[in-house]
Amino acid sequence: MLRDLFFKLNKKANDKKEEPGVSQNSESIITKCPNCKKILYSKELYKRLNVCSNCDHHLMITSTDRMEALLDEGSETPLFEGITSVNPLDFPNYESKLESDKVKTGLNEAVIVSEGLIDGAPVVIAIMDPRFRMGSMGAAVGEKLARAFNHATEKKLPVIVFTASGGARMQEGIISLMQMAKVSVAVERHHNAGLLYIAYMTHPTTGGVSASFASVGDINLAERGALIGFAGRRVIEETIKEKLPDDFQTAEFLLKHGQLDEVVDRRDMRDYLSRILSMHSEVR
């Protein structure tokens, strides 16, 4: 019926507070913007990289669609695709949840890594995907990211990481928390080799990811309207006993307070990154 034309979130997605988005394979005909409530044609929304034509709200975009939008056609070489999570702590139902997310997303893990070209400039790109375990960072995510930096260091390539994460993966306990240091060490090796790292934070970037490799880029960028922070707003307010500003923990708030270099519209991300890579190449 008519209601089936609309992009609807199921109860499970609503519980996770996930935003609707449109992928290349989406079967929805129209999508409702969660910000301004305007009804949008899904095919047109996809062409605009899931940016609302009415209010410029950035809806969720899949990691594979973002990678396709970034890299020169035919230049992508996927890396480390075989790395996936196990259940080191025998956490109840963890394996079934992983399998469910694999089926739902078509991904093996919450991050994809590829080597390719942006306007002819070689680069290694890692993109986290909040559809898979809310982009949480377990051992497999940490391993893929560490290998991405090590691979780039070996080949003397810049790295761009698009973060989108709820933080550490609770089902893996301390093993998950160890990934913060592990990836940060790989970032440092890459930095010591004189190579460029662009940290590009998208919605949401929180917890251990925001407190580690997401915040230590040579250039720190963020997507418009992205939620970025460590602890939740309510936790902070209850701790400091103060009301926080309405725009607290948004990309725009962080830019205003000197914690970001720029907030970039998603439709401009490829051109913006191309200019940075070009300038970096000339400096080198």
Protein backbone atom coordinates (compact mmCIF):
# COMPACT_ATOMS: atom_id res chain seq x y z
CA MET A 1 0.00 0.00 0.00
CA LEU A 2 0.94 3.68 0.01
CA ARG A 3 2.77 3.40 3.31
CA ASP A 4 5.08 0.80 1.75
CA LEU A 5 6.43 3.48 -0.60
CA PHE A 6 8.03 5.23 2.34
CA PHE A 7 11.37 4.29 3.81
CA LYS A 8 10.44 2.86 7.18
CA LEU A 9 12.68 1.90 10.04
CA ASN A 10 11.87 -1.35 11.78
CA LYS A 11 11.55 -1.46 15.55
CA LYS A 12 15.09 -2.71 16.01
CA ALA A 13 16.50 0.18 14.00
CA ASN A 14 14.37 2.64 15.94
CA ASP A 15 15.69 1.25 19.20
CA LYS A 16 19.21 1.98 17.96
CA LYS A 17 18.16 5.46 16.80
CA GLU A 18 19.53 4.83 13.33
CA GLU A 19 18.74 7.37 10.63
CA PRO A 20 17.23 6.37 7.29
CA GLY A 21 19.46 6.49 4.27
CA VAL A 22 19.39 5.45 0.64
CA SER A 23 21.90 3.13 -0.98
CA GLN A 24 22.40 2.30 -4.62
CA ASN A 25 20.43 -0.91 -4.10
CA SER A 26 17.60 0.66 -2.11
CA GLU A 27 14.12 -0.49 -3.13
CA SER A 28 12.36 2.48 -1.53
CA ILE A 29 10.80 4.96 -3.96
CA ILE A 30 10.64 7.91 -1.63
CA THR A 31 12.38 8.84 1.61
CA LYS A 32 11.34 11.19 4.38
CA CYS A 33 14.05 13.54 5.64
CA PRO A 34 14.32 13.02 9.43
CA ASN A 35 15.21 16.68 9.92
CA CYS A 36 12.74 18.74 7.87
CA LYS A 37 10.25 15.90 7.16
CA LYS A 38 10.22 16.67 3.42
CA ILE A 39 9.41 13.73 1.14
CA LEU A 40 12.28 13.09 -1.29
CA TYR A 41 12.63 10.84 -4.32
CA SER A 42 15.14 8.18 -3.34
CA LYS A 43 16.91 8.07 -6.70
CA GLU A 44 17.47 11.84 -6.63
CA LEU A 45 18.56 11.67 -2.99
CA TYR A 46 21.10 8.99 -3.86
CA LYS A 47 22.53 11.18 -6.62
CA ARG A 48 23.04 13.94 -4.02
CA LEU A 49 24.94 11.47 -1.77
CA ASN A 50 21.97 11.35 0.63
CA VAL A 51 21.96 15.08 1.35
CA CYS A 52 18.47 16.56 1.65
CA SER A 53 17.66 19.04 -1.13
CA ASN A 54 15.45 21.07 1.20
CA CYS A 55 17.49 21.51 4.41
CA ASP A 56 20.93 20.05 3.51
CA HIS A 57 20.61 17.46 6.28
CA HIS A 58 23.11 14.63 5.81
CA LEU A 59 21.31 11.31 5.96
CA MET A 60 23.23 8.08 6.53
CA ILE A 61 25.30 6.84 3.59
CA THR A 62 26.75 3.33 3.35
CA SER A 63 30.50 2.78 3.43
CA THR A 64 30.46 1.20 -0.03
CA ASP A 65 28.51 4.07 -1.57
CA ARG A 66 30.89 6.60 0.00
CA MET A 67 33.92 4.69 -1.28
CA GLU A 68 32.44 4.62 -4.79
CA ALA A 69 31.80 8.37 -4.65
CA LEU A 70 35.37 9.08 -3.58
CA LEU A 71 37.62 6.93 -5.76
CA ASP A 72 38.33 7.27 -9.47
CA GLU A 73 36.35 4.74 -11.46
CA GLY A 74 38.18 1.44 -11.81
CA SER A 75 40.96 2.38 -9.38
CA GLU A 76 39.73 0.62 -6.22
CA THR A 77 41.62 -2.33 -4.74
CA PRO A 78 39.85 -3.65 -1.61
CA LEU A 79 42.18 -4.65 1.23
CA PHE A 80 41.94 -7.07 4.18
CA GLU A 81 38.44 -8.28 3.30
CA GLY A 82 38.93 -11.64 4.98
CA ILE A 83 39.34 -10.20 8.47
CA THR A 84 36.21 -10.67 10.57
CA SER A 85 35.22 -10.92 14.22
CA VAL A 86 35.22 -14.00 16.43
CA ASN A 87 33.81 -14.34 19.94
CA PRO A 88 36.87 -14.36 22.23
CA LEU A 89 34.84 -13.95 25.45
CA ASP A 90 32.01 -16.33 24.50
CA PHE A 91 29.56 -13.45 24.80
CA PRO A 92 25.97 -14.75 24.50
CA ASN A 93 24.40 -14.40 21.02
CA TYR A 94 27.36 -12.43 19.68
CA GLU A 95 27.94 -14.75 16.71
CA SER A 96 24.29 -14.61 15.65
CA LYS A 97 24.30 -10.81 15.80
CA LEU A 98 27.44 -10.67 13.67
CA GLU A 99 25.89 -12.99 11.10
CA SER A 100 22.73 -10.91 11.07
CA ASP A 101 24.70 -7.73 10.38
CA LYS A 102 26.68 -9.47 7.63
CA VAL A 103 23.45 -10.41 5.88
CA LYS A 104 21.88 -6.98 6.44
CA THR A 105 24.87 -4.95 5.22
CA GLY A 106 26.76 -7.24 2.87
CA LEU A 107 29.90 -6.43 4.88
CA ASN A 108 32.28 -8.65 6.84
CA GLU A 109 32.98 -5.99 9.45
CA ALA A 110 32.23 -2.43 10.57
CA VAL A 111 35.00 -0.95 8.42
CA ILE A 112 36.07 -1.35 4.81
CA VAL A 113 39.57 -0.52 3.52
CA SER A 114 40.66 0.15 -0.06
CA GLU A 115 43.61 1.52 -1.97
CA GLY A 116 42.79 3.69 -4.94
CA LEU A 117 43.03 7.07 -6.62
CA ILE A 118 41.30 10.40 -6.00
CA ASP A 119 41.75 12.51 -9.13
CA GLY A 120 44.85 10.45 -9.87
CA ALA A 121 46.36 10.80 -6.38
CA PRO A 122 47.06 7.41 -4.70
CA VAL A 123 45.57 6.95 -1.24
CA VAL A 124 44.47 4.34 1.30
CA ILE A 125 40.91 4.91 2.56
CA ALA A 126 39.17 3.27 5.52
CA ILE A 127 35.44 3.88 6.03
CA MET A 128 33.52 2.81 9.11
CA ASP A 129 29.88 1.81 8.72
CA PRO A 130 27.37 2.38 11.56
CA ARG A 131 25.00 -0.25 10.14
CA PHE A 132 27.34 -3.01 11.36
CA ARG A 133 27.23 -3.27 15.18
CA MET A 134 26.80 0.54 15.25
CA GLY A 135 30.33 0.88 13.85
CA SER A 136 31.71 -0.40 17.14
CA MET A 137 35.42 -1.17 17.29
CA GLY A 138 36.34 -4.76 18.06
CA ALA A 139 39.53 -6.69 17.37
CA ALA A 140 38.75 -7.13 13.67
CA VAL A 141 38.08 -3.41 13.15
CA GLY A 142 41.28 -2.52 14.98
CA GLU A 143 43.27 -5.05 12.97
CA LYS A 144 41.96 -3.75 9.64
CA LEU A 145 42.72 -0.15 10.58
CA ALA A 146 46.20 -0.96 11.88
CA ARG A 147 46.97 -2.90 8.72
CA ALA A 148 45.66 -0.02 6.62
CA PHE A 149 48.18 2.36 8.20
CA ASN A 150 51.00 -0.19 8.03
CA HIS A 151 50.24 -0.86 4.36
CA ALA A 152 50.21 2.88 3.62
CA THR A 153 53.49 3.37 5.52
CA GLU A 154 55.11 0.60 3.50
CA LYS A 155 53.91 2.06 0.21
CA LYS A 156 54.44 5.70 1.30
CA LEU A 157 50.78 6.63 0.80
CA PRO A 158 48.47 9.06 2.61
CA VAL A 159 45.58 7.65 4.65
CA ILE A 160 42.02 8.94 4.98
CA VAL A 161 39.81 7.42 7.69
CA PHE A 162 36.08 8.15 7.79
CA THR A 163 34.94 7.43 11.33
CA ALA A 164 31.38 6.50 12.33
CA SER A 165 31.18 4.59 15.57
CA GLY A 166 29.42 4.09 18.86
CA GLY A 167 32.83 3.35 20.41
CA ALA A 168 34.36 0.14 21.75
CA ARG A 169 32.51 -3.14 21.16
CA MET A 170 31.25 -4.27 24.55
CA GLN A 171 31.04 -7.94 23.53
CA GLU A 172 34.85 -8.05 23.27
CA GLY A 173 35.64 -6.25 26.53
CA ILE A 174 39.27 -5.29 27.13
CA ILE A 175 40.27 -6.74 23.75
CA SER A 176 38.19 -4.00 22.15
CA LEU A 177 39.72 -1.27 24.30
CA MET A 178 43.21 -2.44 23.32
CA GLN A 179 42.46 -1.44 19.72
CA MET A 180 42.61 2.24 20.68
CA ALA A 181 46.32 1.95 21.47
CA LYS A 182 47.00 -0.53 18.66
CA VAL A 183 45.64 1.72 15.93
CA SER A 184 47.20 4.83 17.48
CA VAL A 185 50.64 3.17 17.37
CA ALA A 186 50.15 2.41 13.66
CA VAL A 187 49.11 6.05 13.12
CA GLU A 188 52.29 7.22 14.86
CA ARG A 189 54.50 5.02 12.68
CA HIS A 190 52.80 6.45 9.61
CA HIS A 191 53.31 9.99 10.96
CA ASN A 192 56.99 9.36 11.71
CA ALA A 193 57.46 8.33 8.09
CA GLY A 194 56.37 11.85 7.10
CA LEU A 195 53.07 10.73 5.59
CA LEU A 196 49.67 12.45 5.60
CA TYR A 197 46.72 11.25 7.70
CA ILE A 198 43.32 12.89 7.25
CA ALA A 199 40.79 12.07 9.96
CA TYR A 200 37.28 12.64 8.64
CA MET A 201 34.60 12.34 11.32
CA THR A 202 31.03 11.51 10.33
CA HIS A 203 27.81 10.91 12.27
CA PRO A 204 28.23 9.59 14.92
CA THR A 205 31.86 9.47 16.11
CA THR A 206 31.84 8.67 19.81
CA GLY A 207 33.50 6.72 22.62
CA GLY A 208 36.91 5.13 22.22
CA VAL A 209 37.10 5.92 18.51
CA SER A 210 36.69 9.66 19.14
CA ALA A 211 39.25 9.43 21.96
CA SER A 212 41.93 7.77 19.84
CA PHE A 213 42.65 7.71 16.10
CA ALA A 214 39.68 9.90 15.11
CA SER A 215 41.22 12.92 16.84
CA VAL A 216 44.87 12.71 15.83
CA GLY A 217 44.87 13.42 12.10
CA ASP A 218 47.33 15.83 10.54
CA ILE A 219 44.12 17.38 9.22
CA ASN A 220 40.88 16.84 11.15
CA LEU A 221 37.68 17.22 9.15
CA ALA A 222 34.04 16.46 9.90
CA GLU A 223 30.82 16.13 8.04
CA ARG A 224 28.11 18.73 8.50
CA GLY A 225 25.91 18.08 11.56
CA ALA A 226 27.91 15.07 12.77
CA LEU A 227 27.69 14.09 16.44
CA ILE A 228 31.22 13.92 17.83
CA GLY A 229 32.11 13.28 21.45
CA PHE A 230 33.26 10.79 24.06
CA ALA A 231 30.62 10.48 26.78
CA GLY A 232 26.93 11.14 26.21
CA ARG A 233 25.42 14.58 26.72
CA ARG A 234 23.25 13.50 29.67
CA VAL A 235 26.20 11.88 31.45
CA ILE A 236 28.26 15.05 31.12
CA GLU A 237 25.43 17.31 32.31
CA GLU A 238 24.82 15.13 35.36
CA THR A 239 28.55 15.12 36.14
CA ILE A 240 29.21 18.86 35.85
CA LYS A 241 25.70 19.88 37.01
CA GLU A 242 25.33 22.34 34.16
CA LYS A 243 23.14 22.66 31.07
CA LEU A 244 25.15 22.29 27.88
CA PRO A 245 24.63 24.40 24.71
CA ASP A 246 22.14 23.05 22.18
CA ASP A 247 24.85 22.52 19.56
CA PHE A 248 27.23 20.80 22.00
CA GLN A 249 29.12 17.84 20.46
CA THR A 250 28.23 18.81 16.90
CA ALA A 251 30.84 19.24 14.19
CA GLU A 252 30.05 22.94 14.05
CA PHE A 253 30.59 23.33 17.81
CA LEU A 254 33.98 21.60 17.61
CA LEU A 255 35.03 23.77 14.67
CA LYS A 256 34.08 26.92 16.59
CA HIS A 257 36.23 25.77 19.53
CA GLY A 258 39.31 24.90 17.49
CA GLN A 259 39.03 21.11 17.54
CA LEU A 260 38.50 20.74 13.79
CA ASP A 261 40.14 22.22 10.73
CA GLU A 262 36.95 22.31 8.66
CA VAL A 263 33.36 21.09 8.42
CA VAL A 264 32.75 19.83 4.89
CA ASP A 265 29.52 19.25 2.99
CA ARG A 266 29.42 15.62 1.81
CA ARG A 267 28.85 16.73 -1.78
CA ASP A 268 32.17 18.56 -1.66
CA MET A 269 34.22 15.84 0.07
CA ARG A 270 35.89 14.44 -3.05
CA ASP A 271 36.96 17.85 -4.39
CA TYR A 272 38.08 18.97 -0.93
CA LEU A 273 40.18 15.85 -0.37
CA SER A 274 41.58 16.05 -3.90
CA ARG A 275 42.89 19.56 -3.22
CA ILE A 276 44.52 18.47 0.05
CA LEU A 277 46.18 15.45 -1.58
CA SER A 278 47.39 17.63 -4.44
CA MET A 279 48.94 20.19 -2.08
CA HIS A 280 50.52 17.43 0.01
CA SER A 281 52.04 15.88 -3.12
CA GLU A 282 53.52 19.25 -4.15
CA VAL A 283 55.00 19.81 -0.68
CA ARG A 284 56.62 16.39 -0.70
